[in-house]
All heavy atoms as atom14 arrays in JSON, in Angstrom:
{
  "sequence": "HVPLTDETRGMLDEAAIQRMKPGTFVVNASRGG",
  "atom14_mask": [
    [1, 1, 1, 1, 1, 1, 1, 1, 1, 1, 0, 0, 0, 0],
    [1, 1, 1, 1, 1, 1, 1, 0, 0, 0, 0, 0, 0, 0],
    [1, 1, 1, 1, 1, 1, 1, 0, 0, 0, 0, 0, 0, 0],
    [1, 1, 1, 1, 1, 1, 1, 1, 0, 0, 0, 0, 0, 0],
    [1, 1, 1, 1, 1, 1, 1, 0, 0, 0, 0, 0, 0, 0],
    [1, 1, 1, 1, 1, 1, 1, 1, 0, 0, 0, 0, 0, 0],
    [1, 1, 1, 1, 1, 1, 1, 1, 1, 0, 0, 0, 0, 0],
    [1, 1, 1, 1, 1, 1, 1, 0, 0, 0, 0, 0, 0, 0],
    [1, 1, 1, 1, 1, 1, 1, 1, 1, 1, 1, 0, 0, 0],
    [1, 1, 1, 1, 0, 0, 0, 0, 0, 0, 0, 0, 0, 0],
    [1, 1, 1, 1, 1, 1, 1, 1, 0, 0, 0, 0, 0, 0],
    [1, 1, 1, 1, 1, 1, 1, 1, 0, 0, 0, 0, 0, 0],
    [1, 1, 1, 1, 1, 1, 1, 1, 0, 0, 0, 0, 0, 0],
    [1, 1, 1, 1, 1, 1, 1, 1, 1, 0, 0, 0, 0, 0],
    [1, 1, 1, 1, 1, 0, 0, 0, 0, 0, 0, 0, 0, 0],
    [1, 1, 1, 1, 1, 0, 0, 0, 0, 0, 0, 0, 0, 0],
    [1, 1, 1, 1, 1, 1, 1, 1, 0, 0, 0, 0, 0, 0],
    [1, 1, 1, 1, 1, 1, 1, 1, 1, 0, 0, 0, 0, 0],
    [1, 1, 1, 1, 1, 1, 1, 1, 1, 1, 1, 0, 0, 0],
    [1, 1, 1, 1, 1, 1, 1, 1, 0, 0, 0, 0, 0, 0],
    [1, 1, 1, 1, 1, 1, 1, 1, 1, 0, 0, 0, 0, 0],
    [1, 1, 1, 1, 1, 1, 1, 0, 0, 0, 0, 0, 0, 0],
    [1, 1, 1, 1, 0, 0, 0, 0, 0, 0, 0, 0, 0, 0],
    [1, 1, 1, 1, 1, 1, 1, 0, 0, 0, 0, 0, 0, 0],
    [1, 1, 1, 1, 1, 1, 1, 1, 1, 1, 1, 0, 0, 0],
    [1, 1, 1, 1, 1, 1, 1, 0, 0, 0, 0, 0, 0, 0],
    [1, 1, 1, 1, 1, 1, 1, 0, 0, 0, 0, 0, 0, 0],
    [1, 1, 1, 1, 1, 1, 1, 1, 0, 0, 0, 0, 0, 0],
    [1, 1, 1, 1, 1, 0, 0, 0, 0, 0, 0, 0, 0, 0],
    [1, 1, 1, 1, 1, 1, 0, 0, 0, 0, 0, 0, 0, 0],
    [1, 1, 1, 1, 1, 1, 1, 1, 1, 1, 1, 0, 0, 0],
    [1, 1, 1, 1, 0, 0, 0, 0, 0, 0, 0, 0, 0, 0],
    [1, 1, 1, 1, 0, 0, 0, 0, 0, 0, 0, 0, 0, 0]
  ],
  "atom14_positions": [
    [[84.36, 102.79, 63.48], [84.87, 103.8, 64.49], [85.39, 103.15, 65.65], [84.87, 103.26, 66.75], [83.72, 104.81, 64.74], [83.18, 105.45, 63.52], [83.77, 106.6, 62.94], [82.16, 105.1, 62.7], [83.12, 106.93, 61.9], [82.06, 106.02, 61.72], [0.0, 0.0, 0.0], [0.0, 0.0, 0.0], [0.0, 0.0, 0.0], [0.0, 0.0, 0.0]],
    [[86.44, 102.36, 65.49], [87.06, 101.58, 66.54], [88.57, 101.84, 66.66], [89.22, 102.12, 65.62], [86.82, 100.04, 66.41], [85.29, 99.77, 66.49], [87.33, 99.57, 65.01], [0.0, 0.0, 0.0], [0.0, 0.0, 0.0], [0.0, 0.0, 0.0], [0.0, 0.0, 0.0], [0.0, 0.0, 0.0], [0.0, 0.0, 0.0], [0.0, 0.0, 0.0]],
    [[89.12, 101.61, 67.82], [90.65, 101.67, 67.91], [91.19, 100.43, 67.3], [90.48, 99.39, 67.13], [90.85, 101.76, 69.41], [89.67, 101.04, 70.06], [88.53, 101.33, 69.12], [0.0, 0.0, 0.0], [0.0, 0.0, 0.0], [0.0, 0.0, 0.0], [0.0, 0.0, 0.0], [0.0, 0.0, 0.0], [0.0, 0.0, 0.0], [0.0, 0.0, 0.0]],
    [[92.51, 100.32, 67.06], [93.21, 99.13, 66.58], [93.66, 98.4, 67.83], [94.58, 98.82, 68.51], [94.3, 99.52, 65.67], [95.13, 98.33, 65.1], [94.22, 97.46, 64.21], [96.29, 98.78, 64.33], [0.0, 0.0, 0.0], [0.0, 0.0, 0.0], [0.0, 0.0, 0.0], [0.0, 0.0, 0.0], [0.0, 0.0, 0.0], [0.0, 0.0, 0.0]],
    [[93.03, 97.22, 68.05], [93.43, 96.33, 69.21], [93.51, 94.94, 68.71], [93.24, 94.67, 67.48], [92.41, 96.4, 70.34], [91.15, 95.82, 69.81], [92.09, 97.85, 70.75], [0.0, 0.0, 0.0], [0.0, 0.0, 0.0], [0.0, 0.0, 0.0], [0.0, 0.0, 0.0], [0.0, 0.0, 0.0], [0.0, 0.0, 0.0], [0.0, 0.0, 0.0]],
    [[93.93, 94.05, 69.56], [93.96, 92.61, 69.16], [92.57, 92.13, 68.69], [92.47, 91.27, 67.83], [94.47, 91.77, 70.27], [95.94, 91.99, 70.62], [96.67, 92.51, 69.7], [96.43, 91.69, 71.68], [0.0, 0.0, 0.0], [0.0, 0.0, 0.0], [0.0, 0.0, 0.0], [0.0, 0.0, 0.0], [0.0, 0.0, 0.0], [0.0, 0.0, 0.0]],
    [[91.51, 92.71, 69.33], [90.14, 92.27, 69.01], [89.7, 92.82, 67.65], [88.84, 92.22, 66.98], [89.19, 92.66, 70.13], [89.38, 91.88, 71.43], [90.64, 92.28, 72.18], [91.02, 93.47, 72.01], [91.19, 91.48, 72.95], [0.0, 0.0, 0.0], [0.0, 0.0, 0.0], [0.0, 0.0, 0.0], [0.0, 0.0, 0.0], [0.0, 0.0, 0.0]],
    [[90.09, 94.03, 67.34], [89.59, 94.73, 66.18], [90.43, 94.49, 64.92], [90.03, 94.82, 63.82], [89.39, 96.2, 66.42], [90.67, 96.78, 66.65], [88.49, 96.5, 67.59], [0.0, 0.0, 0.0], [0.0, 0.0, 0.0], [0.0, 0.0, 0.0], [0.0, 0.0, 0.0], [0.0, 0.0, 0.0], [0.0, 0.0, 0.0], [0.0, 0.0, 0.0]],
    [[91.69, 94.09, 65.08], [92.64, 93.92, 63.98], [92.05, 92.98, 62.97], [91.72, 91.8, 63.26], [93.95, 93.43, 64.39], [95.01, 93.45, 63.3], [96.37, 93.01, 63.81], [96.86, 93.73, 64.86], [97.55, 94.91, 64.67], [97.78, 95.37, 63.51], [97.98, 95.56, 65.78], [0.0, 0.0, 0.0], [0.0, 0.0, 0.0], [0.0, 0.0, 0.0]],
    [[91.89, 93.39, 61.68], [91.33, 92.59, 60.64], [89.97, 92.08, 60.84], [89.53, 91.1, 60.28], [0.0, 0.0, 0.0], [0.0, 0.0, 0.0], [0.0, 0.0, 0.0], [0.0, 0.0, 0.0], [0.0, 0.0, 0.0], [0.0, 0.0, 0.0], [0.0, 0.0, 0.0], [0.0, 0.0, 0.0], [0.0, 0.0, 0.0], [0.0, 0.0, 0.0]],
    [[89.12, 92.84, 61.62], [87.81, 92.37, 61.94], [86.89, 92.29, 60.65], [85.96, 91.51, 60.58], [87.1, 93.16, 63.03], [86.8, 94.63, 62.64], [86.23, 95.59, 64.14], [84.94, 94.55, 64.69], [0.0, 0.0, 0.0], [0.0, 0.0, 0.0], [0.0, 0.0, 0.0], [0.0, 0.0, 0.0], [0.0, 0.0, 0.0], [0.0, 0.0, 0.0]],
    [[87.13, 93.19, 59.68], [86.47, 93.03, 58.41], [87.41, 92.4, 57.46], [88.18, 93.05, 56.73], [85.98, 94.4, 57.91], [84.79, 95.04, 58.59], [84.24, 96.14, 57.73], [83.72, 94.05, 58.87], [0.0, 0.0, 0.0], [0.0, 0.0, 0.0], [0.0, 0.0, 0.0], [0.0, 0.0, 0.0], [0.0, 0.0, 0.0], [0.0, 0.0, 0.0]],
    [[87.36, 91.09, 57.41], [88.19, 90.27, 56.56], [87.29, 89.54, 55.43], [86.1, 89.9, 55.35], [88.95, 89.18, 57.28], [88.04, 88.29, 58.15], [86.76, 88.4, 58.01], [88.57, 87.53, 58.93], [0.0, 0.0, 0.0], [0.0, 0.0, 0.0], [0.0, 0.0, 0.0], [0.0, 0.0, 0.0], [0.0, 0.0, 0.0], [0.0, 0.0, 0.0]],
    [[87.78, 88.64, 54.72], [87.1, 87.99, 53.67], [85.75, 87.4, 54.19], [84.72, 87.47, 53.56], [87.95, 86.94, 52.96], [87.29, 86.19, 51.85], [88.08, 85.14, 51.23], [89.17, 84.78, 51.82], [87.72, 84.62, 50.12], [0.0, 0.0, 0.0], [0.0, 0.0, 0.0], [0.0, 0.0, 0.0], [0.0, 0.0, 0.0], [0.0, 0.0, 0.0]],
    [[85.89, 86.68, 55.26], [84.65, 85.99, 55.83], [83.62, 86.99, 56.13], [82.44, 86.79, 55.78], [85.06, 85.21, 57.03], [0.0, 0.0, 0.0], [0.0, 0.0, 0.0], [0.0, 0.0, 0.0], [0.0, 0.0, 0.0], [0.0, 0.0, 0.0], [0.0, 0.0, 0.0], [0.0, 0.0, 0.0], [0.0, 0.0, 0.0], [0.0, 0.0, 0.0]],
    [[83.96, 88.13, 56.78], [82.97, 89.14, 57.14], [82.42, 89.82, 55.82], [81.21, 90.03, 55.78], [83.55, 90.21, 58.04], [0.0, 0.0, 0.0], [0.0, 0.0, 0.0], [0.0, 0.0, 0.0], [0.0, 0.0, 0.0], [0.0, 0.0, 0.0], [0.0, 0.0, 0.0], [0.0, 0.0, 0.0], [0.0, 0.0, 0.0], [0.0, 0.0, 0.0]],
    [[83.34, 90.05, 54.92], [82.83, 90.76, 53.69], [81.86, 89.92, 52.92], [80.91, 90.35, 52.33], [84.06, 91.17, 52.77], [84.87, 92.3, 53.54], [83.67, 91.62, 51.47], [86.2, 92.59, 52.91], [0.0, 0.0, 0.0], [0.0, 0.0, 0.0], [0.0, 0.0, 0.0], [0.0, 0.0, 0.0], [0.0, 0.0, 0.0], [0.0, 0.0, 0.0]],
    [[82.15, 88.6, 52.88], [81.25, 87.7, 52.1], [79.9, 87.63, 52.75], [78.9, 87.2, 52.05], [81.96, 86.28, 52.01], [83.14, 86.26, 51.05], [82.77, 86.77, 49.66], [81.74, 86.42, 49.13], [83.58, 87.7, 49.12], [0.0, 0.0, 0.0], [0.0, 0.0, 0.0], [0.0, 0.0, 0.0], [0.0, 0.0, 0.0], [0.0, 0.0, 0.0]],
    [[79.74, 87.93, 53.97], [78.45, 87.88, 54.7], [77.67, 89.22, 54.38], [76.47, 89.32, 54.74], [78.52, 87.66, 56.21], [79.18, 86.44, 56.63], [78.89, 86.01, 58.04], [79.15, 87.02, 59.1], [80.38, 87.24, 59.56], [81.39, 86.49, 59.26], [80.64, 88.14, 60.49], [0.0, 0.0, 0.0], [0.0, 0.0, 0.0], [0.0, 0.0, 0.0]],
    [[78.33, 90.19, 53.81], [77.64, 91.46, 53.5], [76.76, 91.28, 52.23], [77.03, 90.39, 51.42], [78.63, 92.53, 53.23], [79.49, 92.88, 54.36], [80.79, 94.13, 53.93], [81.75, 94.22, 55.42], [0.0, 0.0, 0.0], [0.0, 0.0, 0.0], [0.0, 0.0, 0.0], [0.0, 0.0, 0.0], [0.0, 0.0, 0.0], [0.0, 0.0, 0.0]],
    [[75.72, 92.06, 52.2], [74.86, 92.06, 51.03], [75.65, 92.5, 49.79], [76.47, 93.4, 49.86], [73.67, 92.98, 51.21], [72.72, 92.67, 52.35], [71.55, 93.52, 52.37], [71.79, 95.01, 52.46], [70.56, 95.85, 52.49], [0.0, 0.0, 0.0], [0.0, 0.0, 0.0], [0.0, 0.0, 0.0], [0.0, 0.0, 0.0], [0.0, 0.0, 0.0]],
    [[75.35, 91.95, 48.63], [75.92, 92.45, 47.43], [75.61, 93.94, 47.26], [74.54, 94.4, 47.47], [75.39, 91.61, 46.27], [74.92, 90.36, 46.95], [74.57, 90.8, 48.29], [0.0, 0.0, 0.0], [0.0, 0.0, 0.0], [0.0, 0.0, 0.0], [0.0, 0.0, 0.0], [0.0, 0.0, 0.0], [0.0, 0.0, 0.0], [0.0, 0.0, 0.0]],
    [[76.7, 94.72, 46.95], [76.48, 96.17, 46.73], [76.67, 97.0, 48.03], [76.49, 98.25, 47.95], [0.0, 0.0, 0.0], [0.0, 0.0, 0.0], [0.0, 0.0, 0.0], [0.0, 0.0, 0.0], [0.0, 0.0, 0.0], [0.0, 0.0, 0.0], [0.0, 0.0, 0.0], [0.0, 0.0, 0.0], [0.0, 0.0, 0.0], [0.0, 0.0, 0.0]],
    [[77.06, 96.33, 49.16], [77.35, 97.14, 50.37], [78.54, 98.07, 50.21], [79.47, 97.82, 49.46], [77.65, 96.17, 51.49], [76.45, 95.35, 51.7], [77.95, 96.9, 52.79], [0.0, 0.0, 0.0], [0.0, 0.0, 0.0], [0.0, 0.0, 0.0], [0.0, 0.0, 0.0], [0.0, 0.0, 0.0], [0.0, 0.0, 0.0], [0.0, 0.0, 0.0]],
    [[78.51, 99.23, 50.81], [79.57, 100.16, 50.86], [80.28, 100.09, 52.23], [79.68, 100.02, 53.21], [79.12, 101.64, 50.6], [78.52, 101.88, 49.23], [77.25, 101.49, 48.99], [79.33, 102.36, 48.18], [76.62, 101.68, 47.72], [78.72, 102.58, 46.94], [77.45, 102.22, 46.7], [0.0, 0.0, 0.0], [0.0, 0.0, 0.0], [0.0, 0.0, 0.0]],
    [[81.62, 100.15, 52.21], [82.42, 100.14, 53.44], [83.25, 101.31, 53.55], [83.93, 101.77, 52.6], [83.33, 98.85, 53.46], [84.26, 98.87, 54.63], [82.46, 97.58, 53.47], [0.0, 0.0, 0.0], [0.0, 0.0, 0.0], [0.0, 0.0, 0.0], [0.0, 0.0, 0.0], [0.0, 0.0, 0.0], [0.0, 0.0, 0.0], [0.0, 0.0, 0.0]],
    [[83.22, 102.0, 54.7], [83.98, 103.23, 54.97], [84.76, 103.05, 56.27], [84.24, 102.67, 57.24], [83.05, 104.43, 55.12], [83.87, 105.73, 55.49], [82.35, 104.67, 53.81], [0.0, 0.0, 0.0], [0.0, 0.0, 0.0], [0.0, 0.0, 0.0], [0.0, 0.0, 0.0], [0.0, 0.0, 0.0], [0.0, 0.0, 0.0], [0.0, 0.0, 0.0]],
    [[86.07, 103.37, 56.18], [86.96, 103.34, 57.35], [87.78, 104.56, 57.52], [88.68, 104.79, 56.7], [87.84, 102.12, 57.29], [88.69, 101.96, 58.54], [88.32, 102.53, 59.63], [89.81, 101.33, 58.51], [0.0, 0.0, 0.0], [0.0, 0.0, 0.0], [0.0, 0.0, 0.0], [0.0, 0.0, 0.0], [0.0, 0.0, 0.0], [0.0, 0.0, 0.0]],
    [[87.39, 105.38, 58.49], [88.17, 106.58, 58.84], [88.67, 106.51, 60.25], [88.9, 107.53, 60.92], [87.32, 107.82, 58.53], [0.0, 0.0, 0.0], [0.0, 0.0, 0.0], [0.0, 0.0, 0.0], [0.0, 0.0, 0.0], [0.0, 0.0, 0.0], [0.0, 0.0, 0.0], [0.0, 0.0, 0.0], [0.0, 0.0, 0.0], [0.0, 0.0, 0.0]],
    [[88.71, 105.24, 60.77], [89.15, 105.12, 62.19], [90.55, 104.79, 62.31], [91.43, 105.64, 62.63], [88.26, 104.09, 62.87], [88.36, 102.77, 62.23], [0.0, 0.0, 0.0], [0.0, 0.0, 0.0], [0.0, 0.0, 0.0], [0.0, 0.0, 0.0], [0.0, 0.0, 0.0], [0.0, 0.0, 0.0], [0.0, 0.0, 0.0], [0.0, 0.0, 0.0]],
    [[90.95, 103.53, 62.22], [92.36, 103.11, 62.22], [92.68, 102.13, 61.1], [91.88, 101.22, 60.85], [92.6, 102.49, 63.58], [92.69, 103.5, 64.76], [93.92, 104.29, 64.63], [94.05, 105.24, 65.74], [93.59, 106.48, 65.61], [93.02, 106.95, 64.54], [93.77, 107.33, 66.62], [0.0, 0.0, 0.0], [0.0, 0.0, 0.0], [0.0, 0.0, 0.0]],
    [[93.84, 102.29, 60.53], [94.27, 101.28, 59.6], [94.5, 99.91, 60.26], [94.9, 99.87, 61.4], [0.0, 0.0, 0.0], [0.0, 0.0, 0.0], [0.0, 0.0, 0.0], [0.0, 0.0, 0.0], [0.0, 0.0, 0.0], [0.0, 0.0, 0.0], [0.0, 0.0, 0.0], [0.0, 0.0, 0.0], [0.0, 0.0, 0.0], [0.0, 0.0, 0.0]],
    [[94.16, 98.85, 59.57], [94.4, 97.51, 60.14], [93.17, 96.83, 60.54], [93.08, 95.65, 60.74], [0.0, 0.0, 0.0], [0.0, 0.0, 0.0], [0.0, 0.0, 0.0], [0.0, 0.0, 0.0], [0.0, 0.0, 0.0], [0.0, 0.0, 0.0], [0.0, 0.0, 0.0], [0.0, 0.0, 0.0], [0.0, 0.0, 0.0], [0.0, 0.0, 0.0]]
  ]
}
């Protein structure tokens, strides 16, 4: 639930996703990108 800024753009990328527990669910209804 964040705006799209230089700081938030791509904040959930491969590196972040790989740190998630297996089976985690991700939902984004805020901003594309």
